[in-house]
Protein backbone atom coordinates (compact mmCIF):
# COMPACT_ATOMS: atom_id res chain seq x y z
CA MET A 1 52.99 43.02 -80.53
CA PRO A 2 56.73 42.64 -79.88
CA GLU A 3 58.06 44.16 -76.67
CA VAL A 4 60.21 46.79 -78.40
CA ALA A 5 57.16 48.17 -80.27
CA LEU A 6 55.10 48.35 -77.08
CA LYS A 7 57.96 50.11 -75.28
CA ILE A 8 58.29 52.66 -78.08
CA ASN A 9 54.54 53.30 -78.08
CA GLN A 10 54.58 53.94 -74.33
CA ALA A 11 57.79 55.98 -74.47
CA VAL A 12 56.53 58.39 -77.13
CA GLN A 13 53.58 59.22 -74.90
CA ASP A 14 55.92 59.85 -71.94
CA GLU A 15 57.06 63.47 -72.27
CA SER A 16 59.79 62.97 -69.65
CA LEU A 17 61.89 60.75 -71.95
CA ASP A 18 64.60 62.27 -74.13
CA PHE A 19 65.85 61.28 -77.59
CA GLN A 20 68.70 59.16 -76.22
CA LYS A 21 66.38 57.00 -74.12
CA ILE A 22 64.12 56.44 -77.12
CA ALA A 23 67.18 55.59 -79.25
CA ASP A 24 68.35 53.09 -76.62
CA ILE A 25 65.04 51.23 -76.89
CA ILE A 26 65.09 51.20 -80.70
CA GLN A 27 68.65 49.90 -80.81
CA THR A 28 67.58 46.65 -79.17
CA ASP A 29 66.03 45.65 -82.52
CA PRO A 30 68.54 45.66 -85.45
CA MET A 31 65.85 45.51 -88.17
CA ILE A 32 63.90 48.46 -86.80
CA SER A 33 67.16 50.39 -86.25
CA ALA A 34 68.22 49.93 -89.88
CA ARG A 35 64.83 50.98 -91.24
CA ALA A 36 64.71 54.03 -88.96
CA VAL A 37 68.02 55.37 -90.32
CA GLN A 38 66.95 54.62 -93.91
CA VAL A 39 63.65 56.50 -93.52
CA ALA A 40 65.40 59.44 -91.81
CA ASN A 41 67.56 59.75 -94.93
CA SER A 42 64.63 59.34 -97.36
CA ALA A 43 62.97 62.07 -99.43
CA MET A 44 60.31 62.58 -96.76
CA TYR A 45 62.77 63.74 -94.12
CA ALA A 46 66.24 64.06 -95.64
CA GLY A 47 68.35 67.06 -94.60
CA SER A 48 71.62 68.38 -95.98
CA GLN A 49 73.69 65.71 -94.25
CA PRO A 50 72.86 61.99 -93.94
CA VAL A 51 72.27 60.62 -90.45
CA GLN A 52 74.14 57.52 -89.29
CA THR A 53 72.93 56.99 -85.72
CA ILE A 54 69.55 56.16 -84.20
CA LYS A 55 69.67 59.22 -81.94
CA ARG A 56 70.23 61.53 -84.93
CA ALA A 57 67.44 59.74 -86.82
CA VAL A 58 65.04 60.33 -83.92
CA GLN A 59 66.09 63.97 -83.68
CA ARG A 60 65.56 64.50 -87.41
CA ILE A 61 62.15 62.96 -87.87
CA GLY A 62 60.67 63.30 -84.38
CA LEU A 63 59.26 60.86 -81.85
CA ARG A 64 55.86 60.41 -83.45
CA ALA A 65 57.35 59.68 -86.86
CA MET A 66 59.72 57.20 -85.25
CA ARG A 67 56.78 55.45 -83.63
CA THR A 68 55.15 55.17 -87.07
CA ILE A 69 58.26 53.56 -88.52
CA VAL A 70 58.50 51.13 -85.62
CA MET A 71 54.86 50.12 -86.06
CA SER A 72 55.28 49.78 -89.85
CA VAL A 73 58.25 47.45 -89.57
CA THR A 74 56.63 45.52 -86.72
CA LEU A 75 53.36 44.97 -88.60
CA ARG A 76 55.21 43.94 -91.75
CA ASN A 77 57.13 41.26 -89.85
CA LEU A 78 54.50 40.27 -87.32
CA TYR A 79 53.39 37.21 -89.23
CA THR A 80 54.37 35.35 -92.40
CA PRO A 81 51.26 33.84 -94.05
CA ILE A 82 51.25 30.35 -95.54
CA SER A 83 48.16 30.53 -97.75
CA PRO A 84 48.64 32.40 -101.08
CA LEU A 85 45.31 34.17 -100.58
CA ILE A 86 46.20 35.35 -97.07
CA LYS A 87 49.66 36.41 -98.26
CA LYS A 88 48.07 38.48 -101.04
CA ARG A 89 45.55 40.08 -98.68
CA MET A 90 48.31 40.89 -96.16
CA LYS A 91 50.39 42.63 -98.83
CA THR A 92 47.35 44.55 -100.09
CA TYR A 93 46.50 45.63 -96.54
CA TYR A 94 50.07 46.76 -95.87
CA HIS A 95 50.45 48.80 -99.06
CA HIS A 96 47.01 50.37 -98.65
CA SER A 97 47.81 51.41 -95.07
CA ILE A 98 51.08 53.05 -96.08
CA ARG A 99 49.46 54.87 -99.00
CA VAL A 100 46.69 56.22 -96.75
CA GLY A 101 49.28 57.19 -94.13
CA VAL A 102 51.40 59.12 -96.64
CA ILE A 103 48.33 60.94 -98.00
CA CYS A 104 47.30 61.81 -94.42
CA HIS A 105 50.80 63.21 -93.91
CA ALA A 106 50.53 65.32 -97.08
CA LEU A 107 47.01 66.57 -96.29
CA THR A 108 47.82 67.72 -92.76
CA LYS A 109 50.69 69.83 -94.03
CA LYS A 110 47.97 71.95 -95.65
CA ILE A 111 45.57 72.31 -92.72
CA LYS A 112 46.06 73.79 -89.26
CA GLY A 113 45.64 71.96 -85.97
CA PHE A 114 47.03 68.57 -86.99
CA ASP A 115 50.42 66.92 -86.56
CA PRO A 116 51.46 65.32 -89.89
CA GLU A 117 53.31 62.53 -88.07
CA GLN A 118 50.30 61.65 -85.94
CA ALA A 119 48.21 61.74 -89.11
CA PHE A 120 50.66 59.34 -90.80
CA LEU A 121 50.32 56.95 -87.86
CA ALA A 122 46.52 57.25 -87.94
CA GLY A 123 46.51 56.30 -91.62
CA LEU A 124 48.88 53.43 -91.02
CA MET A 125 46.80 51.98 -88.19
CA HIS A 126 43.27 52.60 -89.49
CA ASP A 127 42.88 49.02 -90.79
CA ILE A 128 44.93 47.28 -88.08
CA GLY A 129 41.96 45.01 -87.26
CA ILE A 130 42.61 43.15 -90.53
CA VAL A 131 45.92 41.74 -89.28
CA PRO A 132 44.67 39.40 -86.52
CA ILE A 133 41.77 38.31 -88.75
CA LEU A 134 44.23 37.27 -91.48
CA ILE A 135 46.46 35.51 -88.95
CA ARG A 136 43.50 33.50 -87.66
CA ALA A 137 42.12 32.82 -91.14
CA ASP A 138 45.47 31.39 -92.23
CA LYS A 139 44.93 28.54 -89.76
CA HIS A 140 41.48 27.55 -91.08
CA ASP A 141 41.20 25.68 -94.40
CA GLU A 142 37.58 26.70 -94.97
CA ILE A 143 38.55 30.40 -94.83
CA LYS A 144 42.10 30.70 -96.15
CA ASN A 145 41.10 29.40 -99.60
CA ASN A 146 37.76 31.21 -99.86
CA ALA A 147 38.20 34.83 -100.92
CA GLU A 148 34.52 35.73 -100.64
CA LEU A 149 34.17 34.37 -97.11
CA LEU A 150 37.44 35.99 -96.04
CA ASP A 151 36.38 39.40 -97.32
CA LYS A 152 33.01 39.11 -95.55
CA LEU A 153 34.77 38.31 -92.27
CA ILE A 154 37.15 41.23 -92.68
CA HIS A 155 34.32 43.62 -93.48
CA SER A 156 32.24 42.57 -90.49
CA LEU A 157 35.00 42.30 -87.87
CA LYS A 158 37.89 44.65 -88.65
CA THR A 159 36.62 47.80 -86.93
CA LYS A 160 35.72 46.10 -83.65
CA VAL A 161 38.93 44.06 -83.63
CA GLY A 162 41.05 47.10 -84.54
CA ALA A 163 39.62 49.29 -81.79
CA MET A 164 40.07 46.53 -79.18
CA LEU A 165 43.63 45.90 -80.32
CA LEU A 166 44.74 49.54 -80.13
CA LYS A 167 43.11 49.89 -76.73
CA GLN A 168 44.94 46.79 -75.50
CA TRP A 169 48.25 48.13 -76.86
CA GLY A 170 47.80 51.46 -75.06
CA PHE A 171 47.25 53.79 -78.01
CA GLU A 172 45.58 57.18 -77.62
CA ASP A 173 41.80 57.48 -77.79
CA GLU A 174 41.98 59.49 -81.03
CA LEU A 175 43.70 56.56 -82.77
CA ILE A 176 41.25 54.04 -81.32
CA THR A 177 38.47 56.19 -82.83
CA VAL A 178 40.21 56.00 -86.21
CA ALA A 179 40.29 52.19 -86.15
CA GLN A 180 36.64 52.10 -85.09
CA ASP A 181 35.15 54.72 -87.43
CA ALA A 182 37.46 54.99 -90.46
CA GLU A 183 34.63 53.82 -92.74
CA ASN A 184 31.73 55.30 -90.80
CA TRP A 185 31.26 57.91 -93.50
CA GLN A 186 28.27 59.69 -91.94
CA ARG A 187 29.73 59.99 -88.43
CA ASP A 188 28.44 63.08 -86.66
CA VAL A 189 31.09 64.92 -84.62
CA ILE A 190 31.42 68.60 -83.81
CA LYS A 191 35.14 69.11 -84.42
CA ALA A 192 37.36 67.71 -87.17
CA ASP A 193 39.73 64.99 -86.00
CA TYR A 194 42.27 62.45 -87.28
CA CYS A 195 39.47 60.08 -88.27
CA ASP A 196 38.23 62.76 -90.69
CA VAL A 197 41.74 63.04 -92.15
CA VAL A 198 41.89 59.26 -92.65
CA GLN A 199 38.48 59.18 -94.33
CA VAL A 200 39.49 61.89 -96.81
CA ALA A 201 42.84 60.17 -97.42
CA GLN A 202 41.09 56.88 -98.20
CA LEU A 203 39.02 58.56 -100.91
CA HIS A 204 42.18 60.16 -102.32
CA CYS A 205 43.78 56.72 -102.33
CA GLU A 206 40.82 55.31 -104.25
CA MET A 207 41.45 57.90 -106.99
CA ILE A 208 44.84 56.33 -107.75
CA GLY A 209 43.59 52.76 -108.00
CA GLY A 210 43.29 51.93 -104.33
CA ARG A 211 40.62 49.78 -102.72
CA LYS A 212 37.07 50.55 -103.87
CA LEU A 213 35.00 52.04 -101.09
CA ASP A 214 31.28 52.19 -100.47
CA ALA A 215 31.55 55.87 -99.66
CA PRO A 216 30.00 59.17 -100.78
CA ALA A 217 31.80 61.43 -103.23
CA LEU A 218 34.62 63.46 -101.70
CA ALA A 219 32.74 66.78 -101.86
CA GLU A 220 29.71 65.17 -100.13
CA LEU A 221 31.74 63.59 -97.32
CA PRO A 222 31.02 65.21 -93.89
CA ALA A 223 34.69 64.78 -92.98
CA PHE A 224 35.72 66.80 -96.06
CA GLU A 225 33.43 69.63 -95.01
CA ARG A 226 34.64 69.58 -91.38
CA LEU A 227 38.27 69.81 -92.51
CA ASP A 228 37.39 72.77 -94.76
CA LEU A 229 39.36 71.39 -97.71
CA GLY A 230 37.40 73.12 -100.44
CA ASP A 231 40.42 74.99 -101.82
CA ILE A 232 42.72 71.94 -101.91
CA ASN A 233 43.19 70.14 -105.23
CA PRO A 234 43.01 66.36 -104.52
CA MET A 235 45.07 65.48 -107.60
CA LEU A 236 47.82 67.87 -106.54
CA ILE A 237 47.97 66.22 -103.10
CA ILE A 238 48.18 62.80 -104.73
CA ALA A 239 50.90 63.92 -107.13
CA GLN A 240 52.96 65.29 -104.25
CA ALA A 241 52.51 62.11 -102.21
CA LYS A 242 53.19 59.53 -104.96
CA GLN A 243 56.98 59.62 -104.78
CA GLU A 244 56.88 59.46 -100.99
CA MET A 245 54.53 56.47 -101.20
CA ARG A 246 56.85 54.54 -103.49
CA GLU A 247 59.91 55.31 -101.39
CA VAL A 248 58.31 54.54 -98.03
CA ILE A 249 56.83 51.26 -99.31
CA HIS A 250 60.24 50.29 -100.71
CA LEU A 251 62.04 51.16 -97.48
CA LEU A 252 59.60 49.43 -95.15
CA GLU A 253 59.15 46.22 -97.15
């Protein structure tokens, strides 16, 4: 992980830092700076007047949202695959993560006790374990040209790798849990958490042509019951999130 992304991750968790100090860190990376201003002026966050500075962008969208943008841009540019198969899988991973993140953001606007920006980040990072697997696979001929073997490796390793990676990078425990249990559909916890939000968002994503999941139906999902989402229309959530998905993917590519 590039130094600027690690610094932002640490800074957002430090309540003593103000917007200007965060902006000073972001400004050391021109690509991240440009994307941050673009996203602050997008449909997700746009106000009456466009923002033109990093500090104003941070003030408009908040520290947690800014961390999500930083991580999005960083992950997108972390590695450029050589193999066509790895390149395709990397793009699929990236788009899926953004879609899940946007749906998480939309869902948590409807339920109490969750921060939509933290939910967006949880959705974005839930499959982070795939990235180092793809980077490694791209260096091995017997894997990078074998889709079946690659998918088996991803399925068996991504949760362990993702949890270790987020722990190493200093992310909060609730996000480490997301990386570890995002597809543990029968997980037994007392209180609803961000992992529950991500699980429900993944099933919503599947409804619009996303990755097929070996998961129970939405109404039978323990996470759905814990979040008490019985009165929420999944198709309405998806419809509201679609435009945001397209715009965020376009901005962060």
